[in-house]
Protein backbone atom coordinates (compact mmCIF):
# COMPACT_ATOMS: atom_id res chain seq x y z
CA MET A 1 3.54 -10.10 9.83
CA GLY A 2 0.21 -12.02 9.88
CA MET A 3 -0.84 -15.11 8.15
CA GLN A 4 -2.37 -15.00 4.71
CA ILE A 5 -6.16 -15.36 4.51
CA SER A 6 -7.47 -17.55 1.73
CA ALA A 7 -10.05 -16.12 -0.75
CA GLU A 8 -12.73 -18.47 0.74
CA LEU A 9 -12.16 -17.06 4.27
CA LEU A 10 -11.99 -13.53 3.00
CA ASP A 11 -15.29 -14.08 1.23
CA GLY A 12 -16.76 -15.42 4.47
CA ILE A 13 -15.46 -12.46 6.47
CA VAL A 14 -17.11 -10.01 4.05
CA LEU A 15 -20.42 -11.97 4.03
CA ALA A 16 -20.35 -12.14 7.88
CA VAL A 17 -19.98 -8.30 8.13
CA VAL A 18 -22.73 -7.67 5.51
CA GLN A 19 -24.98 -10.17 7.37
CA GLN A 20 -24.95 -7.87 10.36
CA ALA A 21 -26.29 -4.91 8.46
CA ASP A 22 -26.28 -3.60 4.86
CA THR A 23 -23.12 -1.56 4.35
CA TYR A 24 -21.13 0.33 1.85
CA GLY A 25 -17.59 -0.51 0.80
CA TYR A 26 -15.67 2.10 2.80
CA ALA A 27 -17.52 1.22 6.08
CA LEU A 28 -17.06 -2.53 5.46
CA THR A 29 -13.29 -1.93 4.88
CA GLN A 30 -13.01 0.04 8.06
CA GLN A 31 -14.79 -2.54 10.08
CA ILE A 32 -12.61 -5.36 8.86
CA GLN A 33 -9.49 -3.31 9.26
CA GLU A 34 -10.25 -2.94 13.01
CA THR A 35 -9.26 -6.58 13.30
CA ILE A 36 -7.36 -7.72 10.15
CA ASP A 37 -4.54 -5.87 8.38
CA ILE A 38 -5.95 -5.74 4.82
CA SER A 39 -5.95 -3.04 2.16
CA PRO A 40 -9.11 -1.61 0.59
CA SER A 41 -7.71 -2.53 -2.82
CA THR A 42 -8.10 -6.26 -1.68
CA LEU A 43 -11.63 -5.91 -0.45
CA TYR A 44 -13.31 -4.07 -3.41
CA PRO A 45 -12.60 -6.97 -5.93
CA VAL A 46 -14.09 -9.40 -3.31
CA LEU A 47 -17.25 -7.34 -3.17
CA HIS A 48 -17.51 -7.25 -7.03
CA ARG A 49 -16.82 -10.98 -7.27
CA LEU A 50 -19.46 -11.81 -4.57
CA LYS A 51 -21.98 -9.60 -6.34
CA ALA A 52 -21.22 -11.29 -9.67
CA GLN A 53 -21.72 -14.69 -8.01
CA GLY A 54 -25.08 -13.55 -6.65
CA ALA A 55 -24.03 -13.78 -2.98
CA LEU A 56 -24.48 -9.98 -2.57
CA SER A 57 -26.88 -7.47 -4.17
CA THR A 58 -26.50 -3.76 -4.13
CA TYR A 59 -28.64 -0.63 -3.95
CA ASP A 60 -27.79 3.05 -3.97
CA LYS A 61 -28.74 5.52 -1.39
CA PRO A 62 -28.16 9.31 -1.54
CA PHE A 63 -25.59 10.64 0.90
CA GLY A 64 -24.06 14.18 0.90
CA GLY A 65 -25.26 14.94 -2.62
CA ARG A 66 -23.84 11.61 -3.99
CA ASN A 67 -25.06 8.05 -4.08
CA ARG A 68 -23.57 5.48 -1.81
CA ARG A 69 -23.68 1.86 -3.03
CA TYR A 70 -24.85 -0.54 -0.26
CA TYR A 71 -24.22 -4.26 -0.16
CA GLN A 72 -26.82 -6.70 0.99
CA LEU A 73 -26.61 -10.39 1.71
CA THR A 74 -28.64 -12.58 -0.62
CA PRO A 75 -30.06 -16.05 0.21
CA LEU A 76 -27.17 -17.53 -1.78
CA GLY A 77 -24.82 -15.44 0.15
CA ALA A 78 -26.29 -16.65 3.42
CA GLN A 79 -25.83 -20.24 2.29
CA ILE A 80 -22.19 -19.59 1.28
CA LEU A 81 -21.57 -17.99 4.64
CA ARG A 82 -23.01 -21.07 6.47
CA ASP A 83 -20.86 -23.41 4.34
CA THR A 84 -17.84 -21.23 5.01
CA GLU A 85 -18.41 -21.21 8.77
CA LYS A 86 -18.82 -25.03 8.72
CA ASN A 87 -15.62 -25.49 6.68
CA TRP A 88 -13.76 -23.03 8.99
CA ARG A 89 -14.71 -25.02 12.10
CA THR A 90 -13.43 -28.19 10.61
CA HIS A 91 -10.26 -26.61 9.23
CA LYS A 92 -9.56 -24.86 12.60
CA ALA A 93 -10.01 -28.12 14.60
CA GLN A 94 -7.49 -29.76 12.34
CA ILE A 95 -4.91 -27.06 12.57
CA ASP A 96 -5.52 -26.72 16.30
CA TYR A 97 -4.67 -30.41 16.64
CA PHE A 98 -1.21 -29.94 15.29
CA LEU A 99 -0.48 -26.52 16.97
CA THR A 100 -1.96 -27.13 20.40
CA LYS A 101 -2.71 -30.77 21.08
CA LEU A 102 0.37 -32.64 19.98
CA GLU A 103 2.86 -33.25 22.74
CA PRO A 104 6.60 -32.91 22.01
CA LYS A 105 8.52 -36.12 21.68
CA GLU A 106 10.96 -36.83 24.43
CA GLY A 107 14.27 -35.02 23.66
CA ALA A 108 12.67 -32.67 21.23
CA GLN A 109 12.92 -28.98 21.88
């Protein structure tokens, strides 16, 4: 069982993937699932929320007789991603201090 990912980090992960290249929901889900155990039913609401916030925009492209909805990073999304990366580095350093830097007290197991 893995650790739960906060909404802010999940937003950052989605924005980081979309920053690499415009993508559609299924491909984005597959890419994230290569590393993180997460269900598609978790990711689609994130995409919709980020679009509603203006962090992502969408456009449709024909594929196999249907339209595929692609997500694209907006300038606001790029700023949110930068802020999330900065917050993550700070948070990670704080947690690393406790999990990797503290020495056990004498007699503690």
